[in-house]
Amino acid sequence: MECRSDDAATEEEIAAALSEEEGRTVTVQEVRRIEHQAMRKLRLALQVRGHTSANLLPED
């Protein structure tokens, strides 16, 4: 089950916006790749500082 905020954009919407901004076709696959790279970069930056995502997320 996907949890979406009311103002969250779908991958298709992101691809369309990037395509318009870049002046070229950006695919959903490319959006997924960019997101994956960004998450990996964020995790590494957190790790370097001694943090994990668990430090940032509220407990249940």
N, C-alpha and C. Protein backbone atom coordinates (compact mmCIF):
# COMPACT_ATOMS: atom_id res chain seq x y z
N MET A 1 0.84 -1.18 0.00
CA MET A 1 0.00 0.00 0.00
C MET A 1 0.89 1.24 0.00
N GLU A 2 0.60 2.14 -0.91
CA GLU A 2 1.40 3.37 -1.05
C GLU A 2 0.80 4.46 -0.17
N CYS A 3 1.65 5.11 0.60
CA CYS A 3 1.24 6.21 1.46
C CYS A 3 1.65 7.51 0.79
N ARG A 4 0.67 8.33 0.40
CA ARG A 4 0.97 9.58 -0.30
C ARG A 4 0.40 10.77 0.45
N SER A 5 1.17 11.81 0.51
CA SER A 5 0.68 13.08 1.01
C SER A 5 -0.17 13.71 -0.09
N ASP A 6 -1.08 14.58 0.27
CA ASP A 6 -1.94 15.21 -0.73
C ASP A 6 -1.15 16.01 -1.75
N ASP A 7 0.02 16.53 -1.36
CA ASP A 7 0.80 17.35 -2.28
C ASP A 7 1.98 16.59 -2.90
N ALA A 8 2.04 15.28 -2.70
CA ALA A 8 3.12 14.48 -3.28
C ALA A 8 2.86 14.27 -4.76
N ALA A 9 3.92 14.26 -5.54
CA ALA A 9 3.81 14.05 -6.99
C ALA A 9 4.11 12.59 -7.32
N THR A 10 3.44 12.08 -8.34
CA THR A 10 3.73 10.73 -8.80
C THR A 10 5.02 10.75 -9.61
N GLU A 11 5.56 9.57 -9.85
CA GLU A 11 6.77 9.48 -10.68
C GLU A 11 6.50 10.02 -12.08
N GLU A 12 5.29 9.79 -12.58
CA GLU A 12 4.92 10.29 -13.90
C GLU A 12 4.88 11.81 -13.92
N GLU A 13 4.35 12.41 -12.85
CA GLU A 13 4.30 13.88 -12.76
C GLU A 13 5.70 14.47 -12.65
N ILE A 14 6.55 13.81 -11.90
CA ILE A 14 7.94 14.27 -11.77
C ILE A 14 8.65 14.18 -13.12
N ALA A 15 8.45 13.06 -13.82
CA ALA A 15 9.07 12.89 -15.14
C ALA A 15 8.60 13.98 -16.10
N ALA A 16 7.32 14.29 -16.08
CA ALA A 16 6.78 15.33 -16.96
C ALA A 16 7.37 16.70 -16.62
N ALA A 17 7.46 17.02 -15.34
CA ALA A 17 8.02 18.31 -14.92
C ALA A 17 9.49 18.42 -15.30
N LEU A 18 10.25 17.34 -15.06
CA LEU A 18 11.67 17.36 -15.43
C LEU A 18 11.85 17.44 -16.94
N SER A 19 11.00 16.76 -17.68
CA SER A 19 11.08 16.81 -19.14
C SER A 19 10.90 18.24 -19.64
N GLU A 20 9.92 18.93 -19.06
CA GLU A 20 9.67 20.32 -19.46
C GLU A 20 10.85 21.21 -19.08
N GLU A 21 11.35 21.02 -17.87
CA GLU A 21 12.46 21.85 -17.39
C GLU A 21 13.76 21.58 -18.16
N GLU A 22 14.02 20.32 -18.46
CA GLU A 22 15.26 19.94 -19.13
C GLU A 22 15.19 20.11 -20.65
N GLY A 23 13.99 20.21 -21.19
CA GLY A 23 13.84 20.32 -22.64
C GLY A 23 14.14 19.01 -23.36
N ARG A 24 13.95 17.91 -22.65
CA ARG A 24 14.16 16.58 -23.22
C ARG A 24 13.24 15.61 -22.49
N THR A 25 13.09 14.42 -23.02
CA THR A 25 12.24 13.43 -22.38
C THR A 25 12.96 12.79 -21.20
N VAL A 26 12.34 12.87 -20.04
CA VAL A 26 12.84 12.20 -18.85
C VAL A 26 11.84 11.09 -18.54
N THR A 27 12.33 9.86 -18.48
CA THR A 27 11.45 8.72 -18.26
C THR A 27 11.23 8.45 -16.77
N VAL A 28 10.18 7.70 -16.49
CA VAL A 28 9.91 7.28 -15.11
C VAL A 28 11.08 6.47 -14.58
N GLN A 29 11.66 5.65 -15.45
CA GLN A 29 12.83 4.85 -15.06
C GLN A 29 13.98 5.76 -14.61
N GLU A 30 14.18 6.85 -15.32
CA GLU A 30 15.24 7.80 -14.96
C GLU A 30 14.92 8.49 -13.63
N VAL A 31 13.65 8.82 -13.42
CA VAL A 31 13.23 9.41 -12.14
C VAL A 31 13.55 8.45 -11.00
N ARG A 32 13.24 7.18 -11.19
CA ARG A 32 13.53 6.17 -10.16
C ARG A 32 15.03 6.07 -9.89
N ARG A 33 15.83 6.13 -10.95
CA ARG A 33 17.29 6.06 -10.80
C ARG A 33 17.80 7.27 -10.02
N ILE A 34 17.30 8.45 -10.36
CA ILE A 34 17.71 9.68 -9.67
C ILE A 34 17.33 9.60 -8.19
N GLU A 35 16.12 9.13 -7.91
CA GLU A 35 15.67 8.99 -6.53
C GLU A 35 16.55 7.99 -5.77
N HIS A 36 16.86 6.88 -6.40
CA HIS A 36 17.70 5.86 -5.77
C HIS A 36 19.08 6.44 -5.44
N GLN A 37 19.67 7.17 -6.39
CA GLN A 37 20.99 7.77 -6.17
C GLN A 37 20.93 8.81 -5.04
N ALA A 38 19.87 9.59 -5.00
CA ALA A 38 19.73 10.62 -3.97
C ALA A 38 19.60 9.99 -2.59
N MET A 39 18.83 8.90 -2.50
CA MET A 39 18.67 8.22 -1.21
C MET A 39 19.99 7.60 -0.75
N ARG A 40 20.73 7.02 -1.69
CA ARG A 40 22.03 6.44 -1.36
C ARG A 40 22.99 7.52 -0.85
N LYS A 41 22.98 8.67 -1.53
CA LYS A 41 23.84 9.78 -1.13
C LYS A 41 23.45 10.30 0.26
N LEU A 42 22.15 10.39 0.54
CA LEU A 42 21.68 10.84 1.85
C LEU A 42 22.09 9.85 2.94
N ARG A 43 21.90 8.55 2.68
CA ARG A 43 22.29 7.55 3.68
C ARG A 43 23.79 7.63 3.99
N LEU A 44 24.60 7.82 2.96
CA LEU A 44 26.05 7.93 3.15
C LEU A 44 26.39 9.17 3.98
N ALA A 45 25.75 10.29 3.66
CA ALA A 45 26.01 11.53 4.41
C ALA A 45 25.61 11.36 5.88
N LEU A 46 24.49 10.68 6.13
CA LEU A 46 24.07 10.43 7.51
C LEU A 46 25.07 9.52 8.22
N GLN A 47 25.52 8.48 7.52
CA GLN A 47 26.47 7.53 8.10
C GLN A 47 27.78 8.21 8.47
N VAL A 48 28.26 9.09 7.61
CA VAL A 48 29.50 9.82 7.87
C VAL A 48 29.38 10.65 9.15
N ARG A 49 28.17 11.16 9.40
CA ARG A 49 27.94 11.99 10.59
C ARG A 49 27.51 11.16 11.80
N GLY A 50 27.48 9.83 11.64
CA GLY A 50 27.13 8.96 12.76
C GLY A 50 25.64 8.81 12.99
N HIS A 51 24.84 9.10 11.99
CA HIS A 51 23.38 8.99 12.12
C HIS A 51 22.86 7.89 11.22
N THR A 52 21.62 7.49 11.49
CA THR A 52 20.89 6.58 10.61
C THR A 52 19.51 7.17 10.40
N SER A 53 18.76 6.59 9.47
CA SER A 53 17.40 7.07 9.26
C SER A 53 16.56 6.89 10.52
N ALA A 54 16.89 5.90 11.34
CA ALA A 54 16.17 5.68 12.59
C ALA A 54 16.30 6.88 13.54
N ASN A 55 17.43 7.60 13.45
CA ASN A 55 17.62 8.79 14.28
C ASN A 55 16.68 9.92 13.88
N LEU A 56 16.21 9.90 12.65
CA LEU A 56 15.41 11.00 12.13
C LEU A 56 13.92 10.71 12.14
N LEU A 57 13.55 9.44 12.17
CA LEU A 57 12.14 9.06 12.08
C LEU A 57 11.55 8.85 13.47
N PRO A 58 10.32 9.31 13.66
CA PRO A 58 9.69 9.11 14.97
C PRO A 58 9.40 7.63 15.21
N GLU A 59 9.44 7.24 16.46
CA GLU A 59 9.12 5.86 16.81
C GLU A 59 7.61 5.71 16.87
N ASP A 60 7.14 4.49 16.63
CA ASP A 60 5.69 4.22 16.68
C ASP A 60 5.14 4.31 18.07
